[in-house]
């Protein structure tokens, strides 16, 4: 009566080993696929940044058919009478703070009304008191700006604007369609990060990809290592179990 129980336990252990090992390996392969995708995106970003700057009309036309992140843009822009926007929970060089934005109107040759452009003013510390929002100097006259544009990836766990009334306006996610509805103004589908803003020394963090290809490769190595260690451990347990069984028979 005992032999079937032992064989059944061994078979169950083997099946669990194969299942867990397969899952760990698949997770590693998935991370390698993600790394390949990020490498392709990085190559595309490099090509975009090497191309001549777009004008505003060209940017809006491209936005209808492809990602705009990484393209360079050169415009003349005039401030619009809207609040400064503060994107909450940003980290730069170990400091917690906000990314500040201002809405600008761009000069174009088009006769029709074009969407307004959200311009990144830079990173600013939040300070110790979160109830007190930082003061920023806003752009107040026409200015020539050039830099890179980006589109922030949506977070499926938290993607709503969650705007707080006031000036400046604090938001939790840079959801451009919801921001457009809140301001009651049309906005372009990308944000300009200028290379420099007259009279401002705020830093401009550049992180077009949430995670690099190298990090995905590192995670893949971790999953494969876990799979190898788990397999070796389970093989050891199976061998140890078999030896115990043989020794008990000999007794």
C-alpha atoms as a PDB file:
ATOM      1  CA  UNK A   1       0.000   0.000   0.000  1.00  0.00           C
ATOM      2  CA  UNK A   2       2.926   2.369   0.634  1.00  0.00           C
ATOM      3  CA  UNK A   3       4.603   2.017  -2.791  1.00  0.00           C
ATOM      4  CA  UNK A   4       1.837   3.798  -4.788  1.00  0.00           C
ATOM      5  CA  UNK A   5       1.932   6.659  -2.277  1.00  0.00           C
ATOM      6  CA  UNK A   6       5.673   7.107  -2.750  1.00  0.00           C
ATOM      7  CA  UNK A   7       5.390   6.921  -6.522  1.00  0.00           C
ATOM      8  CA  UNK A   8       2.461   9.354  -6.462  1.00  0.00           C
ATOM      9  CA  UNK A   9       4.462  11.806  -4.351  1.00  0.00           C
ATOM     10  CA  UNK A  10       7.419  11.587  -6.718  1.00  0.00           C
ATOM     11  CA  UNK A  11       5.240  12.174  -9.771  1.00  0.00           C
ATOM     12  CA  UNK A  12       3.602  15.174  -8.088  1.00  0.00           C
ATOM     13  CA  UNK A  13       7.037  16.612  -7.221  1.00  0.00           C
ATOM     14  CA  UNK A  14       8.233  16.173 -10.812  1.00  0.00           C
ATOM     15  CA  UNK A  15       5.111  17.860 -12.221  1.00  0.00           C
ATOM     16  CA  UNK A  16       5.451  20.813  -9.834  1.00  0.00           C
ATOM     17  CA  UNK A  17       9.136  21.119 -10.761  1.00  0.00           C
ATOM     18  CA  UNK A  18       8.363  21.179 -14.494  1.00  0.00           C
ATOM     19  CA  UNK A  19       5.544  23.689 -14.022  1.00  0.00           C
ATOM     20  CA  UNK A  20       7.508  26.158 -11.902  1.00  0.00           C
ATOM     21  CA  UNK A  21      10.654  25.781 -14.035  1.00  0.00           C
ATOM     22  CA  UNK A  22       8.654  26.451 -17.213  1.00  0.00           C
ATOM     23  CA  UNK A  23       7.029  29.559 -15.715  1.00  0.00           C
ATOM     24  CA  UNK A  24      10.396  30.976 -14.598  1.00  0.00           C
ATOM     25  CA  UNK A  25      11.965  30.355 -18.010  1.00  0.00           C
ATOM     26  CA  UNK A  26       9.002  31.952 -19.795  1.00  0.00           C
ATOM     27  CA  UNK A  27       9.312  35.026 -17.581  1.00  0.00           C
ATOM     28  CA  UNK A  28      12.974  35.266 -18.535  1.00  0.00           C
ATOM     29  CA  UNK A  29      12.160  34.942 -22.241  1.00  0.00           C
ATOM     30  CA  UNK A  30       9.468  37.594 -21.896  1.00  0.00           C
ATOM     31  CA  UNK A  31      12.013  39.980 -20.386  1.00  0.00           C
ATOM     32  CA  UNK A  32      14.380  39.282 -23.289  1.00  0.00           C
ATOM     33  CA  UNK A  33      11.560  40.118 -25.732  1.00  0.00           C
ATOM     34  CA  UNK A  34      10.942  43.368 -23.861  1.00  0.00           C
ATOM     35  CA  UNK A  35      14.679  44.138 -24.031  1.00  0.00           C
ATOM     36  CA  UNK A  36      14.626  43.656 -27.815  1.00  0.00           C
ATOM     37  CA  UNK A  37      11.623  45.989 -28.095  1.00  0.00           C
ATOM     38  CA  UNK A  38      13.396  48.648 -26.008  1.00  0.00           C
ATOM     39  CA  UNK A  39      16.533  48.355 -28.154  1.00  0.00           C
ATOM     40  CA  UNK A  40      14.444  48.929 -31.279  1.00  0.00           C
ATOM     41  CA  UNK A  41      12.762  51.940 -29.656  1.00  0.00           C
ATOM     42  CA  UNK A  42      16.141  53.341 -28.603  1.00  0.00           C
ATOM     43  CA  UNK A  43      17.435  53.017 -32.163  1.00  0.00           C
ATOM     44  CA  UNK A  44      14.322  54.819 -33.440  1.00  0.00           C
ATOM     45  CA  UNK A  45      14.869  57.595 -30.874  1.00  0.00           C
ATOM     46  CA  UNK A  46      18.472  58.006 -32.007  1.00  0.00           C
ATOM     47  CA  UNK A  47      17.368  58.382 -35.631  1.00  0.00           C
ATOM     48  CA  UNK A  48      14.672  60.904 -34.697  1.00  0.00           C
ATOM     49  CA  UNK A  49      17.080  63.048 -32.707  1.00  0.00           C
ATOM     50  CA  UNK A  50      19.587  63.004 -35.559  1.00  0.00           C
ATOM     51  CA  UNK A  51      16.988  64.365 -37.999  1.00  0.00           C
ATOM     52  CA  UNK A  52      16.494  68.118 -38.565  1.00  0.00           C
ATOM     53  CA  UNK A  53      13.995  69.842 -36.233  1.00  0.00           C
ATOM     54  CA  UNK A  54      10.350  69.731 -37.250  1.00  0.00           C
ATOM     55  CA  UNK A  55       8.110  72.741 -37.490  1.00  0.00           C
ATOM     56  CA  UNK A  56       4.818  72.705 -35.613  1.00  0.00           C
ATOM     57  CA  UNK A  57       2.711  71.792 -38.637  1.00  0.00           C
ATOM     58  CA  UNK A  58       4.973  68.850 -39.401  1.00  0.00           C
ATOM     59  CA  UNK A  59       4.786  67.659 -35.807  1.00  0.00           C
ATOM     60  CA  UNK A  60       0.984  67.720 -35.761  1.00  0.00           C
ATOM     61  CA  UNK A  61       0.834  65.843 -39.072  1.00  0.00           C
ATOM     62  CA  UNK A  62       3.212  63.136 -37.800  1.00  0.00           C
ATOM     63  CA  UNK A  63       1.229  62.801 -34.581  1.00  0.00           C
ATOM     64  CA  UNK A  64      -1.686  61.366 -36.513  1.00  0.00           C
ATOM     65  CA  UNK A  65       0.253  58.263 -37.568  1.00  0.00           C
ATOM     66  CA  UNK A  66       3.228  57.585 -35.259  1.00  0.00           C
ATOM     67  CA  UNK A  67       4.824  58.186 -31.866  1.00  0.00           C
ATOM     68  CA  UNK A  68       6.307  61.657 -31.526  1.00  0.00           C
ATOM     69  CA  UNK A  69       8.714  60.947 -28.680  1.00  0.00           C
ATOM     70  CA  UNK A  70      12.280  61.835 -29.628  1.00  0.00           C
ATOM     71  CA  UNK A  71      11.603  64.235 -32.495  1.00  0.00           C
ATOM     72  CA  UNK A  72      13.156  67.676 -32.283  1.00  0.00           C
ATOM     73  CA  UNK A  73      10.974  70.758 -32.595  1.00  0.00           C
ATOM     74  CA  UNK A  74      11.697  74.448 -33.139  1.00  0.00           C
ATOM     75  CA  UNK A  75       8.903  76.978 -32.615  1.00  0.00           C
ATOM     76  CA  UNK A  76       8.053  80.533 -31.656  1.00  0.00           C
ATOM     77  CA  UNK A  77       5.529  80.434 -28.847  1.00  0.00           C
ATOM     78  CA  UNK A  78       3.449  82.900 -26.859  1.00  0.00           C
ATOM     79  CA  UNK A  79       2.162  82.218 -23.322  1.00  0.00           C
ATOM     80  CA  UNK A  80      -1.535  81.551 -22.792  1.00  0.00           C
ATOM     81  CA  UNK A  81      -3.361  82.764 -19.694  1.00  0.00           C
ATOM     82  CA  UNK A  82      -3.674  79.400 -17.948  1.00  0.00           C
ATOM     83  CA  UNK A  83      -2.273  78.147 -14.629  1.00  0.00           C
ATOM     84  CA  UNK A  84       1.174  76.636 -14.345  1.00  0.00           C
ATOM     85  CA  UNK A  85       0.735  72.838 -14.199  1.00  0.00           C
ATOM     86  CA  UNK A  86       2.663  70.755 -11.660  1.00  0.00           C
ATOM     87  CA  UNK A  87       2.977  67.019 -12.266  1.00  0.00           C
ATOM     88  CA  UNK A  88       3.282  65.417  -8.820  1.00  0.00           C
ATOM     89  CA  UNK A  89       5.531  62.607  -7.514  1.00  0.00           C
ATOM     90  CA  UNK A  90       8.515  63.123  -9.797  1.00  0.00           C
ATOM     91  CA  UNK A  91      12.048  62.101  -8.806  1.00  0.00           C
ATOM     92  CA  UNK A  92      15.249  63.658 -10.104  1.00  0.00           C
ATOM     93  CA  UNK A  93      18.717  62.833  -8.750  1.00  0.00           C
ATOM     94  CA  UNK A  94      17.206  61.472  -5.552  1.00  0.00           C
ATOM     95  CA  UNK A  95      14.991  64.504  -4.951  1.00  0.00           C
ATOM     96  CA  UNK A  96      11.203  64.412  -4.945  1.00  0.00           C
ATOM     97  CA  UNK A  97       9.291  67.202  -6.608  1.00  0.00           C
ATOM     98  CA  UNK A  98       7.285  68.292  -9.626  1.00  0.00           C
ATOM     99  CA  UNK A  99       7.649  68.700 -13.350  1.00  0.00           C
ATOM    100  CA  UNK A 100       6.272  72.129 -14.227  1.00  0.00           C
ATOM    101  CA  UNK A 101       4.490  72.937 -17.495  1.00  0.00           C
ATOM    102  CA  UNK A 102       3.049  75.997 -19.202  1.00  0.00           C
ATOM    103  CA  UNK A 103       0.581  76.193 -22.083  1.00  0.00           C
ATOM    104  CA  UNK A 104       1.834  78.135 -25.130  1.00  0.00           C
ATOM    105  CA  UNK A 105       0.362  79.233 -28.450  1.00  0.00           C
ATOM    106  CA  UNK A 106       2.569  78.465 -31.457  1.00  0.00           C
ATOM    107  CA  UNK A 107       2.830  80.631 -34.532  1.00  0.00           C
ATOM    108  CA  UNK A 108       2.040  78.758 -37.758  1.00  0.00           C
ATOM    109  CA  UNK A 109       1.180  79.571 -41.346  1.00  0.00           C
ATOM    110  CA  UNK A 110      -2.104  77.719 -41.030  1.00  0.00           C
ATOM    111  CA  UNK A 111      -5.229  79.867 -41.066  1.00  0.00           C
ATOM    112  CA  UNK A 112      -7.195  77.351 -39.030  1.00  0.00           C
ATOM    113  CA  UNK A 113      -6.815  77.228 -35.257  1.00  0.00           C
ATOM    114  CA  UNK A 114      -4.145  74.741 -34.153  1.00  0.00           C
ATOM    115  CA  UNK A 115      -3.810  72.975 -30.797  1.00  0.00           C
ATOM    116  CA  UNK A 116      -1.834  74.684 -28.064  1.00  0.00           C
ATOM    117  CA  UNK A 117       1.533  73.313 -26.990  1.00  0.00           C
ATOM    118  CA  UNK A 118       2.424  72.183 -23.478  1.00  0.00           C
ATOM    119  CA  UNK A 119       5.992  73.281 -22.687  1.00  0.00           C
ATOM    120  CA  UNK A 120       8.023  71.706 -19.891  1.00  0.00           C
ATOM    121  CA  UNK A 121       9.514  74.384 -17.635  1.00  0.00           C
ATOM    122  CA  UNK A 122      11.611  71.865 -15.703  1.00  0.00           C
ATOM    123  CA  UNK A 123      11.917  70.017 -12.408  1.00  0.00           C
ATOM    124  CA  UNK A 124      11.397  71.786  -9.089  1.00  0.00           C
ATOM    125  CA  UNK A 125      11.639  70.437  -5.523  1.00  0.00           C
ATOM    126  CA  UNK A 126       8.387  69.960  -3.666  1.00  0.00           C
ATOM    127  CA  UNK A 127       9.840  71.030  -0.317  1.00  0.00           C
ATOM    128  CA  UNK A 128       8.924  69.605   3.079  1.00  0.00           C
ATOM    129  CA  UNK A 129       5.403  71.046   3.188  1.00  0.00           C
ATOM    130  CA  UNK A 130       3.235  69.471   0.499  1.00  0.00           C
ATOM    131  CA  UNK A 131       0.402  71.850   1.289  1.00  0.00           C
ATOM    132  CA  UNK A 132       2.547  74.710   0.010  1.00  0.00           C
ATOM    133  CA  UNK A 133       3.127  74.570  -3.739  1.00  0.00           C
ATOM    134  CA  UNK A 134       6.394  75.985  -5.120  1.00  0.00           C
ATOM    135  CA  UNK A 135       6.450  79.363  -6.824  1.00  0.00           C
ATOM    136  CA  UNK A 136       7.645  79.459 -10.427  1.00  0.00           C
ATOM    137  CA  UNK A 137       8.387  82.316 -12.780  1.00  0.00           C
ATOM    138  CA  UNK A 138       6.232  81.828 -15.854  1.00  0.00           C
ATOM    139  CA  UNK A 139       7.102  82.836 -19.383  1.00  0.00           C
ATOM    140  CA  UNK A 140       5.324  86.107 -20.133  1.00  0.00           C
ATOM    141  CA  UNK A 141       6.301  86.996 -23.673  1.00  0.00           C
ATOM    142  CA  UNK A 142       6.921  85.411 -27.057  1.00  0.00           C
ATOM    143  CA  UNK A 143       9.990  83.206 -27.060  1.00  0.00           C
ATOM    144  CA  UNK A 144      11.841  81.007 -29.531  1.00  0.00           C
ATOM    145  CA  UNK A 145      12.142  77.469 -28.204  1.00  0.00           C
ATOM    146  CA  UNK A 146      13.821  74.338 -29.526  1.00  0.00           C
ATOM    147  CA  UNK A 147      14.175  70.927 -27.986  1.00  0.00           C
ATOM    148  CA  UNK A 148      12.792  67.400 -27.887  1.00  0.00           C
ATOM    149  CA  UNK A 149       9.175  66.327 -27.699  1.00  0.00           C
ATOM    150  CA  UNK A 150       7.768  63.379 -25.811  1.00  0.00           C
ATOM    151  CA  UNK A 151       4.530  61.571 -25.068  1.00  0.00           C
ATOM    152  CA  UNK A 152       4.246  60.091 -21.596  1.00  0.00           C
ATOM    153  CA  UNK A 153       3.209  56.438 -21.437  1.00  0.00           C
ATOM    154  CA  UNK A 154      -0.098  55.871 -19.660  1.00  0.00           C
ATOM    155  CA  UNK A 155      -0.097  53.952 -16.409  1.00  0.00           C
ATOM    156  CA  UNK A 156      -2.933  51.377 -16.451  1.00  0.00           C
ATOM    157  CA  UNK A 157      -3.090  51.474 -12.637  1.00  0.00           C
ATOM    158  CA  UNK A 158      -3.379  55.268 -12.426  1.00  0.00           C
ATOM    159  CA  UNK A 159      -3.913  57.359 -15.532  1.00  0.00           C
ATOM    160  CA  UNK A 160      -6.506  59.998 -14.631  1.00  0.00           C
ATOM    161  CA  UNK A 161      -5.515  63.638 -14.344  1.00  0.00           C
ATOM    162  CA  UNK A 162      -6.806  64.143 -10.757  1.00  0.00           C
ATOM    163  CA  UNK A 163      -6.358  67.894 -11.018  1.00  0.00           C
ATOM    164  CA  UNK A 164      -6.518  70.106  -7.918  1.00  0.00           C
ATOM    165  CA  UNK A 165      -8.114  73.511  -8.226  1.00  0.00           C
ATOM    166  CA  UNK A 166      -5.809  76.471  -7.908  1.00  0.00           C
ATOM    167  CA  UNK A 167      -2.867  78.215  -9.517  1.00  0.00           C
ATOM    168  CA  UNK A 168      -0.535  76.491  -9.985  1.00  0.00           C
ATOM    169  CA  UNK A 169      -2.637  73.412 -10.762  1.00  0.00           C
ATOM    170  CA  UNK A 170      -1.303  70.179  -9.273  1.00  0.00           C
ATOM    171  CA  UNK A 171      -2.052  66.979 -11.196  1.00  0.00           C
ATOM    172  CA  UNK A 172      -1.211  63.321 -10.576  1.00  0.00           C
ATOM    173  CA  UNK A 173      -0.927  62.085 -14.170  1.00  0.00           C
ATOM    174  CA  UNK A 174      -0.156  63.905 -17.377  1.00  0.00           C
ATOM    175  CA  UNK A 175      -3.293  62.839 -19.214  1.00  0.00           C
ATOM    176  CA  UNK A 176      -3.419  65.297 -22.116  1.00  0.00           C
ATOM    177  CA  UNK A 177      -7.022  64.612 -23.223  1.00  0.00           C
ATOM    178  CA  UNK A 178      -8.299  65.132 -19.654  1.00  0.00           C
ATOM    179  CA  UNK A 179      -6.078  68.201 -19.209  1.00  0.00           C
ATOM    180  CA  UNK A 180      -7.510  69.612 -22.434  1.00  0.00           C
ATOM    181  CA  UNK A 181     -11.040  69.111 -21.083  1.00  0.00           C
ATOM    182  CA  UNK A 182     -10.136  70.687 -17.738  1.00  0.00           C
ATOM    183  CA  UNK A 183      -8.571  73.767 -19.356  1.00  0.00           C
ATOM    184  CA  UNK A 184     -11.245  73.838 -22.095  1.00  0.00           C
ATOM    185  CA  UNK A 185      -8.473  74.294 -24.648  1.00  0.00           C
ATOM    186  CA  UNK A 186      -7.203  72.028 -27.459  1.00  0.00           C
ATOM    187  CA  UNK A 187      -3.735  70.616 -26.738  1.00  0.00           C
ATOM    188  CA  UNK A 188      -1.153  69.029 -29.024  1.00  0.00           C
ATOM    189  CA  UNK A 189      -0.538  65.300 -28.404  1.00  0.00           C
ATOM    190  CA  UNK A 190       3.078  65.827 -27.283  1.00  0.00           C
ATOM    191  CA  UNK A 191       5.063  67.971 -24.835  1.00  0.00           C
ATOM    192  CA  UNK A 192       8.091  70.091 -25.716  1.00  0.00           C
ATOM    193  CA  UNK A 193      11.147  69.800 -23.491  1.00  0.00           C
ATOM    194  CA  UNK A 194      13.247  72.839 -24.452  1.00  0.00           C
ATOM    195  CA  UNK A 195      17.031  72.695 -24.491  1.00  0.00           C
ATOM    196  CA  UNK A 196      17.034  76.028 -22.678  1.00  0.00           C
ATOM    197  CA  UNK A 197      14.481  78.554 -21.425  1.00  0.00           C
ATOM    198  CA  UNK A 198      15.490  82.218 -21.119  1.00  0.00           C
ATOM    199  CA  UNK A 199      15.888  83.187 -17.462  1.00  0.00           C
ATOM    200  CA  UNK A 200      15.395  79.652 -16.136  1.00  0.00           C
ATOM    201  CA  UNK A 201      17.933  77.204 -14.713  1.00  0.00           C
ATOM    202  CA  UNK A 202      15.532  74.372 -13.853  1.00  0.00           C
ATOM    203  CA  UNK A 203      16.792  70.910 -14.924  1.00  0.00           C
ATOM    204  CA  UNK A 204      14.974  68.904 -17.580  1.00  0.00           C
ATOM    205  CA  UNK A 205      15.061  65.134 -16.894  1.00  0.00           C
ATOM    206  CA  UNK A 206      14.995  63.072 -20.075  1.00  0.00           C
ATOM    207  CA  UNK A 207      13.616  59.557 -19.706  1.00  0.00           C
ATOM    208  CA  UNK A 208      11.747  58.669 -22.901  1.00  0.00           C
ATOM    209  CA  UNK A 209      11.660  54.957 -22.000  1.00  0.00           C
ATOM    210  CA  UNK A 210      10.304  53.857 -18.587  1.00  0.00           C
ATOM    211  CA  UNK A 211      12.881  51.052 -18.457  1.00  0.00           C
ATOM    212  CA  UNK A 212      16.076  50.477 -20.451  1.00  0.00           C
ATOM    213  CA  UNK A 213      16.897  47.357 -22.444  1.00  0.00           C
ATOM    214  CA  UNK A 214      19.742  46.659 -19.991  1.00  0.00           C
ATOM    215  CA  UNK A 215      17.318  46.487 -17.055  1.00  0.00           C
ATOM    216  CA  UNK A 216      15.093  44.027 -18.902  1.00  0.00           C
ATOM    217  CA  UNK A 217      18.164  41.913 -19.649  1.00  0.00           C
ATOM    218  CA  UNK A 218      19.093  42.034 -15.964  1.00  0.00           C
ATOM    219  CA  UNK A 219      15.606  40.881 -14.972  1.00  0.00           C
ATOM    220  CA  UNK A 220      15.822  38.075 -17.540  1.00  0.00           C
ATOM    221  CA  UNK A 221      19.100  36.918 -15.991  1.00  0.00           C
ATOM    222  CA  UNK A 222      17.428  36.896 -12.573  1.00  0.00           C
ATOM    223  CA  UNK A 223      14.536  34.741 -13.802  1.00  0.00           C
ATOM    224  CA  UNK A 224      16.877  32.291 -15.539  1.00  0.00           C
ATOM    225  CA  UNK A 225      19.039  32.103 -12.406  1.00  0.00           C
ATOM    226  CA  UNK A 226      15.982  31.404 -10.275  1.00  0.00           C
ATOM    227  CA  UNK A 227      14.901  28.686 -12.713  1.00  0.00           C
ATOM    228  CA  UNK A 228      18.345  27.053 -12.588  1.00  0.00           C
ATOM    229  CA  UNK A 229      18.576  27.168  -8.790  1.00  0.00           C
ATOM    230  CA  UNK A 230      15.032  25.828  -8.413  1.00  0.00           C
ATOM    231  CA  UNK A 231      15.684  22.967 -10.842  1.00  0.00           C
ATOM    232  CA  UNK A 232      18.919  22.004  -9.069  1.00  0.00           C
ATOM    233  CA  UNK A 233      17.172  22.098  -5.695  1.00  0.00           C
ATOM    234  CA  UNK A 234      14.310  19.909  -6.866  1.00  0.00           C
ATOM    235  CA  UNK A 235      16.682  17.402  -8.505  1.00  0.00           C
ATOM    236  CA  UNK A 236      18.577  17.206  -5.220  1.00  0.00           C
ATOM    237  CA  UNK A 237      15.332  16.591  -3.319  1.00  0.00           C
ATOM    238  CA  UNK A 238      14.285  13.857  -5.742  1.00  0.00           C
ATOM    239  CA  UNK A 239      17.674  12.130  -5.464  1.00  0.00           C
ATOM    240  CA  UNK A 240      17.635  12.500  -1.663  1.00  0.00           C
ATOM    241  CA  UNK A 241      14.131  11.061  -1.552  1.00  0.00           C
ATOM    242  CA  UNK A 242      15.142   8.104  -3.725  1.00  0.00           C
ATOM    243  CA  UNK A 243      18.175   7.342  -1.551  1.00  0.00           C
ATOM    244  CA  UNK A 244      16.031   7.437   1.572  1.00  0.00           C
ATOM    245  CA  UNK A 245      13.600   5.038  -0.066  1.00  0.00           C
ATOM    246  CA  UNK A 246      16.383   2.598  -1.019  1.00  0.00           C
ATOM    247  CA  UNK A 247      17.958   2.776   2.452  1.00  0.00           C
ATOM    248  CA  UNK A 248      14.590   2.048   4.090  1.00  0.00           C
ATOM    249  CA  UNK A 249      14.144  -1.002   1.822  1.00  0.00           C
ATOM    250  CA  UNK A 250      17.559  -2.325   2.778  1.00  0.00           C
ATOM    251  CA  UNK A 251      16.618  -2.132   6.438  1.00  0.00           C
END
